[in-house]
Amino acid sequence: MNPHLLTAIDQAFPATMKHLMPPYDEIPNEFKQFRNKWVLIFQDFFYFGAKNIQWKAKAGVDEKAAVRHVRTIMGSYEPKHEHKTAACAYLMSLWFDDITYEKGTPGR
């Protein structure tokens, strides 16, 4: 799956996400577990926020498009949370070698 070219509407009002996410049953089980590196990154971003993020995209990946794609899914209310978590974690693992950041503080 390649990072999708998102419209400004997709980004501002992330309502329909199924076309941006792999089907849940096609996501490997390791991305449906809580101790996967990529799932933990998603959870930190989603629940705590992050600062000083360094995205290290894999060769040939448009870093800005991939970040925009993942962030749009994260901000959507449409998918079930389990699907959103697994999809974002899986896509991040496909598009990035690593992501470093400082964990934020809830409510700040």
Protein backbone atom coordinates (compact mmCIF):
# COMPACT_ATOMS: atom_id res chain seq x y z
CA MET A 1 0.00 0.00 0.00
CA ASN A 2 1.37 3.40 -0.96
CA PRO A 3 0.68 6.62 0.90
CA HIS A 4 -2.55 7.98 -0.52
CA LEU A 5 -2.73 11.45 -1.98
CA LEU A 6 -5.05 13.08 0.47
CA THR A 7 -7.24 16.05 -0.24
CA ALA A 8 -7.53 19.01 2.11
CA ILE A 9 -11.04 17.74 2.94
CA ASP A 10 -9.66 14.31 3.94
CA GLN A 11 -7.22 16.00 6.28
CA ALA A 12 -9.62 18.54 7.77
CA PHE A 13 -12.56 16.15 8.16
CA PRO A 14 -11.16 12.60 8.29
CA ALA A 15 -14.47 10.76 8.12
CA THR A 16 -14.18 7.92 5.60
CA MET A 17 -10.94 6.01 6.05
CA LYS A 18 -11.53 2.51 4.70
CA HIS A 19 -9.88 3.41 1.39
CA LEU A 20 -6.76 4.46 3.31
CA MET A 21 -6.48 1.36 5.49
CA PRO A 22 -5.78 -2.29 4.77
CA PRO A 23 -8.72 -4.55 5.70
CA TYR A 24 -8.41 -5.71 9.31
CA ASP A 25 -8.24 -9.40 8.37
CA GLU A 26 -5.28 -8.68 6.03
CA ILE A 27 -3.18 -7.01 8.74
CA PRO A 28 -0.65 -9.44 10.27
CA ASN A 29 -1.52 -10.51 13.82
CA GLU A 30 1.67 -9.00 15.24
CA PHE A 31 0.12 -5.55 14.67
CA LYS A 32 -2.94 -6.52 16.69
CA GLN A 33 -0.83 -7.16 19.83
CA PHE A 34 0.00 -4.58 22.48
CA ARG A 35 3.74 -5.26 22.66
CA ASN A 36 4.59 -4.55 19.04
CA LYS A 37 6.98 -1.57 18.65
CA TRP A 38 4.74 0.09 16.07
CA VAL A 39 1.59 -0.38 18.16
CA LEU A 40 3.35 1.22 21.13
CA ILE A 41 4.33 4.20 18.96
CA PHE A 42 0.72 4.57 17.80
CA GLN A 43 -0.54 4.41 21.40
CA ASP A 44 1.93 7.05 22.56
CA PHE A 45 0.93 9.38 19.72
CA PHE A 46 -2.80 8.75 20.19
CA TYR A 47 -3.03 8.92 23.99
CA PHE A 48 -0.14 11.21 24.96
CA GLY A 49 0.95 13.09 21.87
CA ALA A 50 4.56 13.44 20.87
CA LYS A 51 7.10 16.15 20.25
CA ASN A 52 10.43 16.37 18.48
CA ILE A 53 9.34 13.59 16.13
CA GLN A 54 11.94 12.30 13.69
CA TRP A 55 10.40 10.20 10.92
CA LYS A 56 12.97 7.99 9.17
CA ALA A 57 11.23 6.92 5.98
CA LYS A 58 12.31 3.85 4.07
CA ALA A 59 14.03 4.36 0.74
CA GLY A 60 11.57 5.35 -1.97
CA VAL A 61 8.81 6.43 0.46
CA ASP A 62 7.51 9.98 0.29
CA GLU A 63 7.93 10.84 3.97
CA LYS A 64 5.50 13.78 3.99
CA ALA A 65 2.78 11.79 2.21
CA ALA A 66 3.24 8.81 4.55
CA VAL A 67 3.10 10.99 7.69
CA ARG A 68 0.01 12.80 6.38
CA HIS A 69 -1.63 9.45 5.57
CA VAL A 70 -1.04 7.97 9.04
CA ARG A 71 -2.04 11.16 10.86
CA THR A 72 -5.28 11.36 8.89
CA ILE A 73 -6.22 7.82 9.90
CA MET A 74 -5.31 8.57 13.53
CA GLY A 75 -7.66 11.55 13.56
CA SER A 76 -10.66 9.72 12.12
CA TYR A 77 -13.70 8.62 14.08
CA GLU A 78 -14.85 6.12 11.46
CA PRO A 79 -12.87 2.93 12.05
CA LYS A 80 -13.07 0.87 15.19
CA HIS A 81 -10.15 1.73 17.42
CA GLU A 82 -8.63 -1.77 17.09
CA HIS A 83 -8.61 -1.47 13.30
CA LYS A 84 -7.20 2.07 13.44
CA THR A 85 -4.42 0.94 15.80
CA ALA A 86 -3.45 -2.12 13.76
CA ALA A 87 -3.65 -0.28 10.43
CA CYS A 88 -1.52 2.67 11.55
CA ALA A 89 1.05 0.39 13.18
CA TYR A 90 1.25 -1.82 10.09
CA LEU A 91 1.51 1.11 7.68
CA MET A 92 4.19 2.77 9.81
CA SER A 93 6.19 -0.47 9.76
CA LEU A 94 5.94 -0.59 5.96
CA TRP A 95 6.90 3.04 5.36
CA PHE A 96 9.40 3.88 8.13
CA ASP A 97 12.65 2.35 9.32
CA ASP A 98 12.21 4.09 12.64
CA ILE A 99 10.42 6.91 14.42
CA THR A 100 11.96 8.69 17.38
CA TYR A 101 10.12 11.17 19.59
CA GLU A 102 9.55 12.46 23.06
CA LYS A 103 6.34 11.25 24.63
CA GLY A 104 3.91 14.05 25.38
CA THR A 105 1.82 14.61 28.47
CA PRO A 106 -1.96 14.06 28.32
CA GLY A 107 -3.99 17.24 28.54
CA ARG A 108 -1.16 19.58 27.60
